Amino acid sequence: MNLNALRIALEGLCAYRPILDTPVISLAVRLLDACGRGNGAEALEQYACLFHQLRREGFRGLGDWLWDYLRYTQSPYALLAEGDVRDPALENAARRDVETLVLLAETDCDRYIDAMKAALSGDYAPVLAGLPRWQAGAPFNFDSLTDFYRSHGCGLYARYRAFLWEEGQLIPVSDPDCPRPEELLGYELQRGQVEKNTRLLLAGHQANNVLLFGDGGTGKSATVKSMLYLPGMEDLRLIEIQKENITGLPRLMRSLVGLRQKFILFIDDLAFDQDDKTYSSLKTILEGSLEKRPANVAIYATSNRRHLVRQTFADRAGDEVDTFETISEKTALAERFGLRIPYLTMNKEGYLALVDYLASQAGISMDREELHAQAMTWEIRHSGRTPRVARQFIASLHL
């Protein structure tokens, strides 16, 4: 296909029409325009800008850029390919678009330079001879792109596995701070319950919302985050939400309906004061809204409080006639989590066994009785026999 025919074919993109507005493809179109009109000086400028833009975005060729864009940008055909719905017109449009984009990626830079040579005087010869080239070739075709959509989905959820939800915006986390399951120690029963519920979610079955409550440092948050790295959890996505952003949860949940991925909406360190405005919002989201919770979404929360809401003695001996109803209202939120899992301080034997294990892993050679004596002294000063305290103790031995 000659350069002018390629330019015309790009004008007919339908299924992936928004790609024409990207800086890279806009520059490619302007380059083809200038070559077609015989405007060598403009073609040279657009060629140089296109090379710069590709390198600026971290790509060595148009094919690599297109493969990245097509996989990780949500489009009508990508969403269609994720499901079982058929739309022959959209499929045909997408196939034609991809074939055109493959031709663009495979166009060798020498073809542009030859077109510029024909339109420019000999004075430009040294500049044209020294022009850098980007890689020609396409690492994809329509079938491989479709297979990717069916296996991984599309858009941000295909590229990233962890996100933050802040002020109504989804922020990808490229390198999440999630422990590997093998790094977690103790609380096997509790972690097993969380894993079982999460696998129900992955399998498309009804899964419970989960509340992990108990002492700090016991590994509640680590348990939730570690789900990302369990075998068979490749379609799981974790979205962390701060308490102050809970009111925006319904909009987020609506945006997840129908996607192939399964989502844990994770609220860490959840607790409410008496007049907290987000309390009622979360209560309605968990149960009580006219909208159903999407089948591919579950809410996991951690808290140091069993009932999530701070209670005072005044609540139990106040002026209200029916104090039982007041207390019941305050405990109602926790009860809307279908699965409530306690994480309590370890007993002495479990704590010392963990200290022994961590000391062995760290290569610490110390008399066992002395190690245990120091570990118990450390635990008293740091208020709790938890995995966090045990790790901090072992770290202190290296100081």
Foldseek 3Di string as FASTA:
>chain_A
DALQVLLVLLVPQDQPVCVCVDPLNVLVSQLSVCLVVLPLVSNVVSLVVNCVVCVVVPHQFLQVVVLVCLFAPDTPVLLVLQDDDDDPVSLVSLQSNQVSSQVSQQDWPVSSLVSSVVSDDPVCVVVSVPDDTGDGGHPDHSVRSSVSSNVQNYHPLSQAFEWEQDPNDTGGDRDDPADAPVVDDDPPVLLVVVLVLVVCLLVLHAHFAEEEEADPQACQVNSVRNSCNDPPQVLEHEYEYELVCLLSVVVVQVVCASTNGAYEYEYEAAADEDPDPSQVVLQCVLDPDPDDRHSRYHYYYYHHDQQRYDDDVCLVVPDDPDSVVVVCVSSSSNVSGPYYHYRYFDDLVSLLVLLVVVCVVVVHDDDSVVSSVQLVVQCVVVPTSHNRSSVVSSVVVVD
